[in-house]
Amino acid sequence: MTDLSDRATMTRRGLFHGASGLAALGAGLGAVPLMAQDAQPAGLQGNINHSVARWTFGDLPLADLCQLARQTGLGAIDLCGPDDWPVLAEHGLASSMCNGAEISLEDGWADPANHDELTERYLRHIPLVAEAGHVNLICFSGNRRGMSDEDGLRHCAEGLSRILPAARDAGVVLQMELLNSRVNHPDYMCDRSAWGVALCERLQSPQFKLLYDIYHMQIMEGDVIRTIMRDHRWFGHYHTAGNPGRNDPDDSQELNYPAICRAIRDTGYQGWVAQEFIPRDPAPQAAAASLRDAVLTCDV
């Protein structure tokens, strides 16, 4: 896998693809009244910078997702690669989390056998991110495969140190995503915030942060607000989704997103909060409305 647009097939998108809902959304969005020119986003407070993950609307043409994003009040699309960036630029949107340099979620920096290929890929990709005017570039620990925490930390630190000078020179921030290993990504190494923070402490670089995925960390460890308040200096990006089910972040699930986003806001965070949920109802109008409702839920 060379681009996270493919992550749908391997992991997250597979949860939704069977419902074929996004295909319907892509086919019908042009006729949805919510997309009419006179539809305006509700006034947002301006304390949270909102984005949405590309893969959760993966069957929707990117230009249509950009249109929906603009009308919803979003400023960016998450998890986009170089082929997507010109489309985002046409709609005045940023790529809030760039991708395309990774090998896969499973094959990452924890395995030294991947270091040469990953170094080559990231050194090629980092200048592209900077030249396009973006900042964040995702990376992954990869799977544990019997490795100890300490060995994984050491290997990741050694490998990432090979590309951090280039990231510094380009003004690019590498963001390692925290993913759960209980439900969605078995054997993934960077599956707890404490492990990720330990890696940040070893690297001691402003060019390396953690992508704190609220859904994933609720599954692995909970205590989300306390963790954000304690470790926010290491968190450079946030993803949302409801748990259980990875659906709309509303009052039907156990995560209190208004309270969580108030905690994020109160840390002084200036980065992006990206919606990464799978709409519970895939019908075109309902999916578009779900995105708007999620943004309003998190707009504090």
C-alpha atoms as a PDB file:
ATOM      1  CA  MET A   1       0.000   0.000   0.000  1.00  0.00           C
ATOM      2  CA  THR A   2       1.597   3.236  -1.089  1.00  0.00           C
ATOM      3  CA  ASP A   3      -1.220   5.668  -0.400  1.00  0.00           C
ATOM      4  CA  LEU A   4      -3.689   5.876   2.445  1.00  0.00           C
ATOM      5  CA  SER A   5      -6.482   6.171  -0.065  1.00  0.00           C
ATOM      6  CA  ASP A   6      -5.997   2.383  -0.106  1.00  0.00           C
ATOM      7  CA  ARG A   7      -6.386   2.038   3.668  1.00  0.00           C
ATOM      8  CA  ALA A   8     -10.108   1.606   3.015  1.00  0.00           C
ATOM      9  CA  THR A   9      -9.477  -1.745   1.402  1.00  0.00           C
ATOM     10  CA  MET A  10      -7.248  -3.026   4.180  1.00  0.00           C
ATOM     11  CA  THR A  11      -8.785  -1.562   7.287  1.00  0.00           C
ATOM     12  CA  ARG A  12     -11.188   1.269   7.878  1.00  0.00           C
ATOM     13  CA  ARG A  13     -13.059   1.578   4.632  1.00  0.00           C
ATOM     14  CA  GLY A  14     -13.821  -2.107   4.737  1.00  0.00           C
ATOM     15  CA  LEU A  15     -16.134  -1.441   7.675  1.00  0.00           C
ATOM     16  CA  PHE A  16     -18.309   0.708   5.444  1.00  0.00           C
ATOM     17  CA  HIS A  17     -17.757  -0.542   1.942  1.00  0.00           C
ATOM     18  CA  GLY A  18     -20.102  -3.475   2.324  1.00  0.00           C
ATOM     19  CA  ALA A  19     -23.009  -1.123   2.868  1.00  0.00           C
ATOM     20  CA  SER A  20     -22.256   0.502  -0.504  1.00  0.00           C
ATOM     21  CA  GLY A  21     -23.474   3.733   1.036  1.00  0.00           C
ATOM     22  CA  LEU A  22     -20.741   6.000  -0.221  1.00  0.00           C
ATOM     23  CA  ALA A  23     -21.341   4.851  -3.760  1.00  0.00           C
ATOM     24  CA  ALA A  24     -24.881   6.064  -3.375  1.00  0.00           C
ATOM     25  CA  LEU A  25     -23.605   9.280  -1.882  1.00  0.00           C
ATOM     26  CA  GLY A  26     -21.277   9.843  -4.815  1.00  0.00           C
ATOM     27  CA  ALA A  27     -24.031   9.144  -7.310  1.00  0.00           C
ATOM     28  CA  GLY A  28     -26.643  11.271  -5.655  1.00  0.00           C
ATOM     29  CA  LEU A  29     -24.875  14.165  -4.019  1.00  0.00           C
ATOM     30  CA  GLY A  30     -25.383  16.541  -6.899  1.00  0.00           C
ATOM     31  CA  ALA A  31     -29.111  16.262  -6.427  1.00  0.00           C
ATOM     32  CA  VAL A  32     -29.101  16.645  -2.665  1.00  0.00           C
ATOM     33  CA  PRO A  33     -30.866  19.852  -1.593  1.00  0.00           C
ATOM     34  CA  LEU A  34     -28.258  20.332   1.132  1.00  0.00           C
ATOM     35  CA  MET A  35     -25.712  20.935  -1.628  1.00  0.00           C
ATOM     36  CA  ALA A  36     -27.670  23.759  -3.219  1.00  0.00           C
ATOM     37  CA  GLN A  37     -25.877  27.041  -3.709  1.00  0.00           C
ATOM     38  CA  ASP A  38     -28.044  28.765  -1.124  1.00  0.00           C
ATOM     39  CA  ALA A  39     -27.121  26.229   1.576  1.00  0.00           C
ATOM     40  CA  GLN A  40     -24.780  27.903   4.031  1.00  0.00           C
ATOM     41  CA  PRO A  41     -22.935  26.340   6.940  1.00  0.00           C
ATOM     42  CA  ALA A  42     -24.099  27.212  10.418  1.00  0.00           C
ATOM     43  CA  GLY A  43     -21.943  29.857  12.047  1.00  0.00           C
ATOM     44  CA  LEU A  44     -18.886  28.270  13.643  1.00  0.00           C
ATOM     45  CA  GLN A  45     -17.150  29.668  16.679  1.00  0.00           C
ATOM     46  CA  GLY A  46     -13.653  29.690  15.213  1.00  0.00           C
ATOM     47  CA  ASN A  47     -11.940  27.915  18.119  1.00  0.00           C
ATOM     48  CA  ILE A  48     -11.529  24.572  16.331  1.00  0.00           C
ATOM     49  CA  ASN A  49     -10.055  24.085  12.866  1.00  0.00           C
ATOM     50  CA  HIS A  50     -12.284  21.464  11.263  1.00  0.00           C
ATOM     51  CA  SER A  51     -11.376  18.847   8.670  1.00  0.00           C
ATOM     52  CA  VAL A  52     -12.711  15.509   7.394  1.00  0.00           C
ATOM     53  CA  ALA A  53     -10.846  12.337   6.435  1.00  0.00           C
ATOM     54  CA  ARG A  54     -10.918  11.628   2.709  1.00  0.00           C
ATOM     55  CA  TRP A  55     -11.295   7.858   3.092  1.00  0.00           C
ATOM     56  CA  THR A  56     -14.581   8.051   5.001  1.00  0.00           C
ATOM     57  CA  PHE A  57     -16.147   9.529   1.860  1.00  0.00           C
ATOM     58  CA  GLY A  58     -13.905   7.502  -0.422  1.00  0.00           C
ATOM     59  CA  ASP A  59     -16.465   6.755  -3.149  1.00  0.00           C
ATOM     60  CA  LEU A  60     -17.435  10.404  -3.424  1.00  0.00           C
ATOM     61  CA  PRO A  61     -15.528  12.374  -6.081  1.00  0.00           C
ATOM     62  CA  LEU A  62     -13.013  14.562  -4.340  1.00  0.00           C
ATOM     63  CA  ALA A  63     -14.365  17.740  -5.934  1.00  0.00           C
ATOM     64  CA  ASP A  64     -17.804  16.951  -4.508  1.00  0.00           C
ATOM     65  CA  LEU A  65     -16.356  16.281  -1.077  1.00  0.00           C
ATOM     66  CA  CYS A  66     -14.532  19.615  -1.301  1.00  0.00           C
ATOM     67  CA  GLN A  67     -17.807  21.334  -2.100  1.00  0.00           C
ATOM     68  CA  LEU A  68     -19.503  19.681   0.856  1.00  0.00           C
ATOM     69  CA  ALA A  69     -16.551  20.574   3.085  1.00  0.00           C
ATOM     70  CA  ARG A  70     -16.669  24.240   2.121  1.00  0.00           C
ATOM     71  CA  GLN A  71     -20.398  24.457   2.694  1.00  0.00           C
ATOM     72  CA  THR A  72     -19.991  22.746   6.056  1.00  0.00           C
ATOM     73  CA  GLY A  73     -17.374  25.233   7.187  1.00  0.00           C
ATOM     74  CA  LEU A  74     -14.336  22.957   6.961  1.00  0.00           C
ATOM     75  CA  GLY A  75     -10.949  24.300   6.016  1.00  0.00           C
ATOM     76  CA  ALA A  76      -9.233  21.099   4.943  1.00  0.00           C
ATOM     77  CA  ILE A  77      -9.458  17.481   3.845  1.00  0.00           C
ATOM     78  CA  ASP A  78      -7.444  14.882   5.777  1.00  0.00           C
ATOM     79  CA  LEU A  79      -5.321  12.031   4.391  1.00  0.00           C
ATOM     80  CA  CYS A  80      -4.750  13.328   0.886  1.00  0.00           C
ATOM     81  CA  GLY A  81      -1.742  12.709  -1.354  1.00  0.00           C
ATOM     82  CA  PRO A  82      -0.082  14.693  -4.142  1.00  0.00           C
ATOM     83  CA  ASP A  83      -2.651  13.768  -6.784  1.00  0.00           C
ATOM     84  CA  ASP A  84      -5.378  15.247  -4.562  1.00  0.00           C
ATOM     85  CA  TRP A  85      -3.681  18.501  -3.610  1.00  0.00           C
ATOM     86  CA  PRO A  86      -4.476  20.446  -6.815  1.00  0.00           C
ATOM     87  CA  VAL A  87      -8.184  19.645  -6.383  1.00  0.00           C
ATOM     88  CA  LEU A  88      -8.088  20.858  -2.794  1.00  0.00           C
ATOM     89  CA  ALA A  89      -6.322  24.040  -3.878  1.00  0.00           C
ATOM     90  CA  GLU A  90      -9.012  24.736  -6.474  1.00  0.00           C
ATOM     91  CA  HIS A  91     -11.556  24.759  -3.651  1.00  0.00           C
ATOM     92  CA  GLY A  92      -9.434  26.776  -1.241  1.00  0.00           C
ATOM     93  CA  LEU A  93      -8.839  23.833   1.091  1.00  0.00           C
ATOM     94  CA  ALA A  94      -5.690  22.604   2.798  1.00  0.00           C
ATOM     95  CA  SER A  95      -4.428  19.042   3.092  1.00  0.00           C
ATOM     96  CA  SER A  96      -4.561  18.825   6.871  1.00  0.00           C
ATOM     97  CA  MET A  97      -2.749  15.475   6.955  1.00  0.00           C
ATOM     98  CA  CYS A  98      -0.753  14.428   3.903  1.00  0.00           C
ATOM     99  CA  ASN A  99      -0.038  10.839   2.981  1.00  0.00           C
ATOM    100  CA  GLY A 100       1.638   8.807   0.276  1.00  0.00           C
ATOM    101  CA  ALA A 101       5.121   8.249   1.723  1.00  0.00           C
ATOM    102  CA  GLU A 102       4.249   5.266   3.930  1.00  0.00           C
ATOM    103  CA  ILE A 103       4.524   1.626   2.898  1.00  0.00           C
ATOM    104  CA  SER A 104       1.479   0.471   4.878  1.00  0.00           C
ATOM    105  CA  LEU A 105       0.019   0.582   8.355  1.00  0.00           C
ATOM    106  CA  GLU A 106       1.573  -2.806   9.068  1.00  0.00           C
ATOM    107  CA  ASP A 107       5.063  -2.156   7.669  1.00  0.00           C
ATOM    108  CA  GLY A 108       6.481   0.840   9.447  1.00  0.00           C
ATOM    109  CA  TRP A 109       9.417   2.318  11.302  1.00  0.00           C
ATOM    110  CA  ALA A 110       9.487  -0.319  14.067  1.00  0.00           C
ATOM    111  CA  ASP A 111      11.075  -2.811  11.687  1.00  0.00           C
ATOM    112  CA  PRO A 112      14.648  -1.886  10.664  1.00  0.00           C
ATOM    113  CA  ALA A 113      14.175  -3.894   7.480  1.00  0.00           C
ATOM    114  CA  ASN A 114      11.870  -1.087   6.303  1.00  0.00           C
ATOM    115  CA  HIS A 115      14.193   1.805   7.118  1.00  0.00           C
ATOM    116  CA  ASP A 116      15.970   2.133   3.789  1.00  0.00           C
ATOM    117  CA  GLU A 117      12.773   2.085   1.762  1.00  0.00           C
ATOM    118  CA  LEU A 118      10.930   4.375   4.148  1.00  0.00           C
ATOM    119  CA  THR A 119      13.845   6.826   4.240  1.00  0.00           C
ATOM    120  CA  GLU A 120      13.894   6.988   0.457  1.00  0.00           C
ATOM    121  CA  ARG A 121      10.143   7.453   0.261  1.00  0.00           C
ATOM    122  CA  TYR A 122       9.948  10.147   2.943  1.00  0.00           C
ATOM    123  CA  LEU A 123      12.955  12.084   1.665  1.00  0.00           C
ATOM    124  CA  ARG A 124      11.227  12.183  -1.712  1.00  0.00           C
ATOM    125  CA  HIS A 125       7.840  13.114  -0.268  1.00  0.00           C
ATOM    126  CA  ILE A 126       8.787  15.724   2.329  1.00  0.00           C
ATOM    127  CA  PRO A 127       9.773  18.376  -0.269  1.00  0.00           C
ATOM    128  CA  LEU A 128       6.514  17.746  -2.145  1.00  0.00           C
ATOM    129  CA  VAL A 129       4.507  18.457   0.998  1.00  0.00           C
ATOM    130  CA  ALA A 130       6.435  21.663   1.625  1.00  0.00           C
ATOM    131  CA  GLU A 131       6.256  22.859  -1.974  1.00  0.00           C
ATOM    132  CA  ALA A 132       2.480  22.415  -1.931  1.00  0.00           C
ATOM    133  CA  GLY A 133       2.263  24.576   1.185  1.00  0.00           C
ATOM    134  CA  HIS A 134       1.232  21.824   3.581  1.00  0.00           C
ATOM    135  CA  VAL A 135       2.740  20.856   6.934  1.00  0.00           C
ATOM    136  CA  ASN A 136       1.637  17.482   8.306  1.00  0.00           C
ATOM    137  CA  LEU A 137       2.789  14.113   6.924  1.00  0.00           C
ATOM    138  CA  ILE A 138       1.565  10.855   8.423  1.00  0.00           C
ATOM    139  CA  CYS A 139       3.733   7.908   9.419  1.00  0.00           C
ATOM    140  CA  PHE A 140       3.209   4.579  11.167  1.00  0.00           C
ATOM    141  CA  SER A 141       5.045   2.355  13.600  1.00  0.00           C
ATOM    142  CA  GLY A 142       3.900  -0.762  11.790  1.00  0.00           C
ATOM    143  CA  ASN A 143       3.159  -4.058  13.492  1.00  0.00           C
ATOM    144  CA  ARG A 144       4.913  -5.503  16.516  1.00  0.00           C
ATOM    145  CA  ARG A 145       5.570  -9.023  15.158  1.00  0.00           C
ATOM    146  CA  GLY A 146       6.913 -10.247  18.502  1.00  0.00           C
ATOM    147  CA  MET A 147       9.027  -7.147  19.129  1.00  0.00           C
ATOM    148  CA  SER A 148       9.302  -5.684  22.618  1.00  0.00           C
ATOM    149  CA  ASP A 149       8.220  -2.133  23.392  1.00  0.00           C
ATOM    150  CA  GLU A 150      11.832  -1.136  23.970  1.00  0.00           C
ATOM    151  CA  ASP A 151      13.072  -2.572  20.699  1.00  0.00           C
ATOM    152  CA  GLY A 152      10.228  -0.906  18.843  1.00  0.00           C
ATOM    153  CA  LEU A 153      11.024   2.467  20.413  1.00  0.00           C
ATOM    154  CA  ARG A 154      14.700   2.116  19.598  1.00  0.00           C
ATOM    155  CA  HIS A 155      14.084   1.095  16.000  1.00  0.00           C
ATOM    156  CA  CYS A 156      11.551   3.853  15.383  1.00  0.00           C
ATOM    157  CA  ALA A 157      13.856   6.481  16.885  1.00  0.00           C
ATOM    158  CA  GLU A 158      16.800   5.283  14.791  1.00  0.00           C
ATOM    159  CA  GLY A 159      14.813   5.242  11.579  1.00  0.00           C
ATOM    160  CA  LEU A 160      12.966   8.516  12.045  1.00  0.00           C
ATOM    161  CA  SER A 161      16.203  10.285  12.971  1.00  0.00           C
ATOM    162  CA  ARG A 162      17.314   9.703   9.379  1.00  0.00           C
ATOM    163  CA  ILE A 163      14.558  11.919   8.003  1.00  0.00           C
ATOM    164  CA  LEU A 164      13.951  14.483  10.750  1.00  0.00           C
ATOM    165  CA  PRO A 165      16.656  16.886   9.479  1.00  0.00           C
ATOM    166  CA  ALA A 166      14.940  17.017   6.089  1.00  0.00           C
ATOM    167  CA  ALA A 167      11.593  17.589   7.783  1.00  0.00           C
ATOM    168  CA  ARG A 168      13.103  20.400   9.830  1.00  0.00           C
ATOM    169  CA  ASP A 169      14.593  22.090   6.789  1.00  0.00           C
ATOM    170  CA  ALA A 170      11.279  21.836   4.924  1.00  0.00           C
ATOM    171  CA  GLY A 171       9.068  22.865   7.841  1.00  0.00           C
ATOM    172  CA  VAL A 172       7.193  19.552   7.694  1.00  0.00           C
ATOM    173  CA  VAL A 173       5.908  17.754  10.789  1.00  0.00           C
ATOM    174  CA  LEU A 174       5.846  13.951  10.835  1.00  0.00           C
ATOM    175  CA  GLN A 175       2.828  12.598  12.692  1.00  0.00           C
ATOM    176  CA  MET A 176       2.698   8.988  13.886  1.00  0.00           C
ATOM    177  CA  GLU A 177      -0.860   7.776  14.294  1.00  0.00           C
ATOM    178  CA  LEU A 178      -2.025   6.052  17.456  1.00  0.00           C
ATOM    179  CA  LEU A 179      -4.233   3.115  16.404  1.00  0.00           C
ATOM    180  CA  ASN A 180      -6.030   0.468  18.420  1.00  0.00           C
ATOM    181  CA  SER A 181      -4.761  -3.100  18.230  1.00  0.00           C
ATOM    182  CA  ARG A 182      -7.854  -4.645  19.846  1.00  0.00           C
ATOM    183  CA  VAL A 183     -10.477  -4.126  17.132  1.00  0.00           C
ATOM    184  CA  ASN A 184      -9.172  -2.597  13.907  1.00  0.00           C
ATOM    185  CA  HIS A 185      -5.405  -3.063  13.640  1.00  0.00           C
ATOM    186  CA  PRO A 186      -4.208  -6.240  15.387  1.00  0.00           C
ATOM    187  CA  ASP A 187      -0.550  -6.224  16.434  1.00  0.00           C
ATOM    188  CA  TYR A 188       0.002  -2.516  15.668  1.00  0.00           C
ATOM    189  CA  MET A 189       2.809  -1.272  17.893  1.00  0.00           C
ATOM    190  CA  CYS A 190       1.965   2.413  18.487  1.00  0.00           C
ATOM    191  CA  ASP A 191      -1.315   1.478  20.146  1.00  0.00           C
ATOM    192  CA  ARG A 192      -1.004   3.368  23.440  1.00  0.00           C
ATOM    193  CA  SER A 193      -0.392   7.021  24.107  1.00  0.00           C
ATOM    194  CA  ALA A 194       2.339   6.277  26.662  1.00  0.00           C
ATOM    195  CA  TRP A 195       4.379   4.404  24.048  1.00  0.00           C
ATOM    196  CA  GLY A 196       3.969   7.244  21.570  1.00  0.00           C
ATOM    197  CA  VAL A 197       4.924   9.848  24.161  1.00  0.00           C
ATOM    198  CA  ALA A 198       8.027   7.814  25.010  1.00  0.00           C
ATOM    199  CA  LEU A 199       9.022   7.961  21.347  1.00  0.00           C
ATOM    200  CA  CYS A 200       8.480  11.726  21.266  1.00  0.00           C
ATOM    201  CA  GLU A 201      10.647  12.104  24.341  1.00  0.00           C
ATOM    202  CA  ARG A 202      13.444  10.137  22.720  1.00  0.00           C
ATOM    203  CA  LEU A 203      13.355  12.131  19.511  1.00  0.00           C
ATOM    204  CA  GLN A 204      12.902  15.537  21.188  1.00  0.00           C
ATOM    205  CA  SER A 205      12.059  17.145  17.871  1.00  0.00           C
ATOM    206  CA  PRO A 206       9.351  19.681  17.018  1.00  0.00           C
ATOM    207  CA  GLN A 207       9.167  17.905  13.659  1.00  0.00           C
ATOM    208  CA  PHE A 208       7.690  14.777  15.241  1.00  0.00           C
ATOM    209  CA  LYS A 209       4.253  14.582  16.872  1.00  0.00           C
ATOM    210  CA  LEU A 210       1.521  12.055  17.541  1.00  0.00           C
ATOM    211  CA  LEU A 211      -1.769  11.862  15.698  1.00  0.00           C
ATOM    212  CA  TYR A 212      -4.076  11.266  18.652  1.00  0.00           C
ATOM    213  CA  ASP A 213      -7.054   9.318  17.348  1.00  0.00           C
ATOM    214  CA  ILE A 214      -9.767   9.662  19.980  1.00  0.00           C
ATOM    215  CA  TYR A 215     -11.740   6.641  18.789  1.00  0.00           C
ATOM    216  CA  HIS A 216      -8.708   4.354  18.813  1.00  0.00           C
ATOM    217  CA  MET A 217      -7.433   5.511  22.192  1.00  0.00           C
ATOM    218  CA  GLN A 218     -10.868   5.170  23.773  1.00  0.00           C
ATOM    219  CA  ILE A 219     -10.762   1.497  22.780  1.00  0.00           C
ATOM    220  CA  MET A 220      -7.218   0.973  24.085  1.00  0.00           C
ATOM    221  CA  GLU A 221      -7.065   3.042  27.261  1.00  0.00           C
ATOM    222  CA  GLY A 222      -9.916   5.520  27.756  1.00  0.00           C
ATOM    223  CA  ASP A 223      -9.255   8.506  30.060  1.00  0.00           C
ATOM    224  CA  VAL A 224      -9.214  10.676  26.948  1.00  0.00           C
ATOM    225  CA  ILE A 225      -9.582  14.139  28.488  1.00  0.00           C
ATOM    226  CA  ARG A 226      -6.971  13.566  31.185  1.00  0.00           C
ATOM    227  CA  THR A 227      -4.556  12.253  28.555  1.00  0.00           C
ATOM    228  CA  ILE A 228      -5.108  15.272  26.317  1.00  0.00           C
ATOM    229  CA  MET A 229      -4.596  17.704  29.171  1.00  0.00           C
ATOM    230  CA  ARG A 230      -1.435  15.915  30.344  1.00  0.00           C
ATOM    231  CA  ASP A 231       0.257  15.087  27.040  1.00  0.00           C
ATOM    232  CA  HIS A 232      -1.103  17.639  24.594  1.00  0.00           C
ATOM    233  CA  ARG A 233       2.344  19.045  23.837  1.00  0.00           C
ATOM    234  CA  TRP A 234       3.089  15.819  21.969  1.00  0.00           C
ATOM    235  CA  PHE A 235      -0.198  15.733  20.028  1.00  0.00           C
ATOM    236  CA  GLY A 236      -0.087  17.449  16.648  1.00  0.00           C
ATOM    237  CA  HIS A 237      -3.399  16.280  15.170  1.00  0.00           C
ATOM    238  CA  TYR A 238      -6.715  14.769  16.267  1.00  0.00           C
ATOM    239  CA  HIS A 239      -9.172  12.316  14.695  1.00  0.00           C
ATOM    240  CA  THR A 240     -12.748  11.762  15.826  1.00  0.00           C
ATOM    241  CA  ALA A 241     -15.333   8.979  15.618  1.00  0.00           C
ATOM    242  CA  GLY A 242     -17.969   7.533  17.895  1.00  0.00           C
ATOM    243  CA  ASN A 243     -17.346   4.418  19.951  1.00  0.00           C
ATOM    244  CA  PRO A 244     -18.582   1.731  19.770  1.00  0.00           C
ATOM    245  CA  GLY A 245     -19.141   1.440  16.034  1.00  0.00           C
ATOM    246  CA  ARG A 246     -16.961   4.215  14.642  1.00  0.00           C
ATOM    247  CA  ASN A 247     -20.091   6.094  13.632  1.00  0.00           C
ATOM    248  CA  ASP A 248     -21.378   9.621  14.114  1.00  0.00           C
ATOM    249  CA  PRO A 249     -19.873  11.360  17.176  1.00  0.00           C
ATOM    250  CA  ASP A 250     -23.228  12.060  18.812  1.00  0.00           C
ATOM    251  CA  ASP A 251     -24.988  11.277  22.091  1.00  0.00           C
ATOM    252  CA  SER A 252     -25.673   7.666  21.078  1.00  0.00           C
ATOM    253  CA  GLN A 253     -22.162   6.559  22.034  1.00  0.00           C
ATOM    254  CA  GLU A 254     -19.774   6.776  24.969  1.00  0.00           C
ATOM    255  CA  LEU A 255     -17.476   9.622  23.934  1.00  0.00           C
ATOM    256  CA  ASN A 256     -18.542  13.117  24.992  1.00  0.00           C
ATOM    257  CA  TYR A 257     -17.153  15.111  22.091  1.00  0.00           C
ATOM    258  CA  PRO A 258     -18.158  18.598  23.243  1.00  0.00           C
ATOM    259  CA  ALA A 259     -16.243  18.027  26.485  1.00  0.00           C
ATOM    260  CA  ILE A 260     -13.298  16.472  24.656  1.00  0.00           C
ATOM    261  CA  CYS A 261     -13.095  19.339  22.188  1.00  0.00           C
ATOM    262  CA  ARG A 262     -13.321  21.881  24.993  1.00  0.00           C
ATOM    263  CA  ALA A 263     -10.293  20.162  26.530  1.00  0.00           C
ATOM    264  CA  ILE A 264      -8.453  20.350  23.190  1.00  0.00           C
ATOM    265  CA  ARG A 265      -9.398  24.009  22.851  1.00  0.00           C
ATOM    266  CA  ASP A 266      -8.297  24.825  26.377  1.00  0.00           C
ATOM    267  CA  THR A 267      -4.796  23.461  25.757  1.00  0.00           C
ATOM    268  CA  GLY A 268      -4.326  26.250  23.215  1.00  0.00           C
ATOM    269  CA  TYR A 269      -4.190  23.799  20.331  1.00  0.00           C
ATOM    270  CA  GLN A 270      -4.144  25.503  16.914  1.00  0.00           C
ATOM    271  CA  GLY A 271      -4.042  22.466  14.615  1.00  0.00           C
ATOM    272  CA  TRP A 272      -6.785  20.434  12.940  1.00  0.00           C
ATOM    273  CA  VAL A 273      -9.540  18.244  14.344  1.00  0.00           C
ATOM    274  CA  ALA A 274     -10.518  15.842  11.552  1.00  0.00           C
ATOM    275  CA  GLN A 275     -13.781  13.911  11.458  1.00  0.00           C
ATOM    276  CA  GLU A 276     -12.990  10.270  10.697  1.00  0.00           C
ATOM    277  CA  PHE A 277     -16.308   8.596  11.379  1.00  0.00           C
ATOM    278  CA  ILE A 278     -18.421   6.362   9.134  1.00  0.00           C
ATOM    279  CA  PRO A 279     -21.894   7.905   8.738  1.00  0.00           C
ATOM    280  CA  ARG A 280     -24.460   5.680  10.404  1.00  0.00           C
ATOM    281  CA  ASP A 281     -26.935   6.360   7.600  1.00  0.00           C
ATOM    282  CA  PRO A 282     -25.212   6.233   4.177  1.00  0.00           C
ATOM    283  CA  ALA A 283     -28.092   7.845   2.272  1.00  0.00           C
ATOM    284  CA  PRO A 284     -26.797  10.981   0.497  1.00  0.00           C
ATOM    285  CA  GLN A 285     -28.710  13.602   2.470  1.00  0.00           C
ATOM    286  CA  ALA A 286     -28.161  11.788   5.751  1.00  0.00           C
ATOM    287  CA  ALA A 287     -24.404  11.376   5.241  1.00  0.00           C
ATOM    288  CA  ALA A 288     -23.991  15.052   4.384  1.00  0.00           C
ATOM    289  CA  ALA A 289     -26.093  16.004   7.401  1.00  0.00           C
ATOM    290  CA  SER A 290     -24.017  13.687   9.610  1.00  0.00           C
ATOM    291  CA  LEU A 291     -20.869  15.574   8.695  1.00  0.00           C
ATOM    292  CA  ARG A 292     -22.503  18.912   9.480  1.00  0.00           C
ATOM    293  CA  ASP A 293     -23.827  17.613  12.794  1.00  0.00           C
ATOM    294  CA  ALA A 294     -20.429  16.210  13.732  1.00  0.00           C
ATOM    295  CA  VAL A 295     -18.729  19.518  13.033  1.00  0.00           C
ATOM    296  CA  LEU A 296     -21.297  21.373  15.132  1.00  0.00           C
ATOM    297  CA  THR A 297     -20.893  18.823  17.937  1.00  0.00           C
ATOM    298  CA  CYS A 298     -17.147  19.465  17.998  1.00  0.00           C
ATOM    299  CA  ASP A 299     -17.361  23.221  17.496  1.00  0.00           C
ATOM    300  CA  VAL A 300     -16.881  24.599  20.991  1.00  0.00           C
END
